[in-house]
């Protein structure tokens, strides 16, 4: 009887511990997203005015592609958008990477807007705030290797973060 009670207590204790870790994980991700948005919102807003791309789209893509600024690409290459290109990571860190390196996160944000402004759909959507249309157009333009999944994840990020 005592052995059964101890097993039950252990089982309940493990479940409580697991739930606590899950809660902490979600809370830290939420904090990381909030901090990322706060850090880059004014840049996204100014680029939105300059390029006519909604800041919600700029931030949504950046959040997803950079893992809230925690990805290796965003930390080592200042690449917040998963843009492919040249870098010096092999020379500086011994790591081979196909992603473009920027001098700062700002360079990455500006280059993303330039890339989007050269897409066939840009003139049609420029100045509109419909994030869904923008994300659909970007996903259809070959920006991602998995366009439908990418589109759903970006739109979910925009909605979840109230961008």
Protein backbone atom coordinates (compact mmCIF):
# COMPACT_ATOMS: atom_id res chain seq x y z
CA UNK A 1 0.00 0.00 0.00
CA UNK A 2 2.78 2.45 0.91
CA UNK A 3 4.68 1.58 -2.28
CA UNK A 4 1.59 2.33 -4.38
CA UNK A 5 1.10 5.72 -2.66
CA UNK A 6 4.74 6.64 -3.26
CA UNK A 7 4.42 5.76 -6.96
CA UNK A 8 1.24 7.87 -7.20
CA UNK A 9 2.93 10.80 -5.48
CA UNK A 10 5.94 10.50 -7.80
CA UNK A 11 3.68 10.30 -10.84
CA UNK A 12 1.71 13.39 -9.81
CA UNK A 13 4.92 15.20 -8.90
CA UNK A 14 6.44 14.47 -12.32
CA UNK A 15 3.31 15.74 -14.07
CA UNK A 16 3.34 18.96 -12.04
CA UNK A 17 7.03 19.41 -12.79
CA UNK A 18 6.45 18.83 -16.51
CA UNK A 19 3.62 21.38 -16.57
CA UNK A 20 5.82 23.90 -14.76
CA UNK A 21 8.61 23.46 -17.34
CA UNK A 22 6.13 23.83 -20.19
CA UNK A 23 4.73 27.01 -18.64
CA UNK A 24 8.21 28.45 -18.14
CA UNK A 25 9.11 27.58 -21.74
CA UNK A 26 6.04 29.32 -23.14
CA UNK A 27 6.54 32.31 -20.86
CA UNK A 28 10.16 32.73 -21.93
CA UNK A 29 9.22 32.48 -25.63
CA UNK A 30 6.51 35.09 -25.09
CA UNK A 31 9.01 37.35 -23.32
CA UNK A 32 11.56 36.86 -26.12
CA UNK A 33 8.93 37.81 -28.72
CA UNK A 34 7.85 40.89 -26.79
CA UNK A 35 11.45 42.01 -26.36
CA UNK A 36 12.17 41.39 -30.05
CA UNK A 37 9.12 43.39 -31.14
CA UNK A 38 9.98 46.25 -28.80
CA UNK A 39 13.56 46.32 -30.08
CA UNK A 40 12.69 46.32 -33.81
CA UNK A 41 9.22 47.96 -34.00
CA UNK A 42 10.40 51.50 -34.73
CA UNK A 43 12.72 50.25 -37.50
CA UNK A 44 9.89 48.21 -39.04
CA UNK A 45 7.56 51.22 -38.81
CA UNK A 46 10.03 53.53 -40.56
CA UNK A 47 10.71 50.94 -43.29
CA UNK A 48 6.97 50.47 -43.69
CA UNK A 49 6.61 54.17 -44.41
CA UNK A 50 9.57 54.18 -46.79
CA UNK A 51 8.65 51.02 -48.75
CA UNK A 52 4.88 50.73 -48.29
CA UNK A 53 5.18 47.23 -46.80
CA UNK A 54 3.12 46.72 -43.61
CA UNK A 55 5.30 46.70 -40.50
CA UNK A 56 3.28 43.68 -39.33
CA UNK A 57 4.60 41.73 -42.32
CA UNK A 58 8.18 42.92 -41.81
CA UNK A 59 8.11 42.00 -38.11
CA UNK A 60 6.18 38.77 -38.62
CA UNK A 61 8.71 37.46 -41.12
CA UNK A 62 11.63 38.63 -38.96
CA UNK A 63 10.21 36.98 -35.82
CA UNK A 64 9.70 33.65 -37.56
CA UNK A 65 12.90 33.59 -39.62
CA UNK A 66 15.14 34.70 -36.74
CA UNK A 67 13.49 32.75 -33.94
CA UNK A 68 12.82 36.00 -32.06
CA UNK A 69 16.41 37.04 -32.74
CA UNK A 70 17.76 33.88 -31.10
CA UNK A 71 18.77 31.92 -34.22
CA UNK A 72 22.41 31.38 -35.15
CA UNK A 73 21.89 33.37 -38.35
CA UNK A 74 20.50 36.38 -36.53
CA UNK A 75 23.19 36.29 -33.83
CA UNK A 76 26.27 35.62 -35.98
CA UNK A 77 25.22 37.05 -39.35
CA UNK A 78 22.66 39.69 -38.28
CA UNK A 79 20.40 37.94 -40.81
CA UNK A 80 16.82 38.14 -39.54
CA UNK A 81 15.08 37.03 -42.75
CA UNK A 82 16.82 33.85 -43.90
CA UNK A 83 18.18 35.57 -47.00
CA UNK A 84 20.79 33.51 -48.84
CA UNK A 85 24.13 35.05 -49.83
CA UNK A 86 27.79 35.30 -48.90
CA UNK A 87 29.35 35.51 -45.45
CA UNK A 88 32.66 35.13 -43.63
CA UNK A 89 31.44 32.68 -41.02
CA UNK A 90 33.81 29.93 -42.21
CA UNK A 91 36.79 32.24 -41.70
CA UNK A 92 35.67 33.74 -38.39
CA UNK A 93 33.93 30.79 -36.69
CA UNK A 94 34.76 27.72 -38.78
CA UNK A 95 31.08 27.33 -39.65
CA UNK A 96 29.85 26.85 -43.21
CA UNK A 97 26.63 28.73 -43.93
CA UNK A 98 24.75 29.70 -47.09
CA UNK A 99 23.10 32.74 -45.53
CA UNK A 100 24.03 36.34 -46.18
CA UNK A 101 25.92 38.31 -43.57
CA UNK A 102 25.01 41.89 -42.62
CA UNK A 103 26.91 44.50 -40.64
CA UNK A 104 23.88 45.03 -38.42
CA UNK A 105 20.27 43.90 -38.02
CA UNK A 106 19.24 47.18 -39.67
CA UNK A 107 21.04 46.11 -42.85
CA UNK A 108 19.08 42.88 -42.83
CA UNK A 109 15.74 44.67 -42.40
CA UNK A 110 16.53 47.17 -45.17
CA UNK A 111 17.68 44.43 -47.55
CA UNK A 112 14.50 42.42 -46.92
CA UNK A 113 12.42 45.45 -47.94
CA UNK A 114 14.58 45.96 -51.04
CA UNK A 115 14.15 42.29 -52.00
CA UNK A 116 10.38 42.53 -51.59
CA UNK A 117 10.23 45.85 -53.49
CA UNK A 118 11.76 44.08 -56.51
CA UNK A 119 9.07 41.37 -56.63
CA UNK A 120 6.42 41.36 -59.37
CA UNK A 121 3.54 41.91 -56.90
CA UNK A 122 5.10 44.89 -55.11
CA UNK A 123 3.58 47.74 -57.15
CA UNK A 124 0.11 46.23 -56.81
CA UNK A 125 0.32 45.88 -53.01
CA UNK A 126 2.52 48.85 -52.10
CA UNK A 127 0.80 51.04 -49.51
CA UNK A 128 -1.91 48.52 -48.61
CA UNK A 129 -2.15 47.20 -45.05
CA UNK A 130 -3.64 43.79 -45.84
CA UNK A 131 -1.03 41.52 -44.25
CA UNK A 132 -2.73 38.39 -45.58
CA UNK A 133 -2.39 39.55 -49.20
CA UNK A 134 1.25 40.49 -48.63
CA UNK A 135 2.13 37.17 -47.01
CA UNK A 136 0.30 35.21 -49.72
CA UNK A 137 2.15 37.12 -52.44
CA UNK A 138 5.54 36.70 -50.75
CA UNK A 139 4.96 32.97 -50.24
CA UNK A 140 3.96 32.51 -53.90
CA UNK A 141 7.05 34.41 -55.09
CA UNK A 142 9.44 31.66 -54.00
CA UNK A 143 10.61 33.31 -50.78
CA UNK A 144 10.23 30.04 -48.86
CA UNK A 145 10.89 26.43 -49.82
CA UNK A 146 7.62 25.43 -48.11
CA UNK A 147 5.24 28.26 -49.10
CA UNK A 148 1.97 27.00 -47.58
CA UNK A 149 3.51 26.11 -44.23
CA UNK A 150 5.53 29.34 -44.20
CA UNK A 151 2.45 31.43 -45.01
CA UNK A 152 0.42 29.83 -42.21
CA UNK A 153 3.23 30.30 -39.69
CA UNK A 154 3.77 33.97 -40.61
CA UNK A 155 0.05 34.76 -40.42
CA UNK A 156 -0.20 32.94 -37.07
CA UNK A 157 2.78 34.95 -35.77
CA UNK A 158 1.23 38.24 -36.91
CA UNK A 159 -2.05 37.33 -35.23
CA UNK A 160 -0.53 35.94 -32.02
CA UNK A 161 1.73 38.96 -31.55
CA UNK A 162 -1.04 41.46 -32.41
CA UNK A 163 1.11 43.02 -35.09
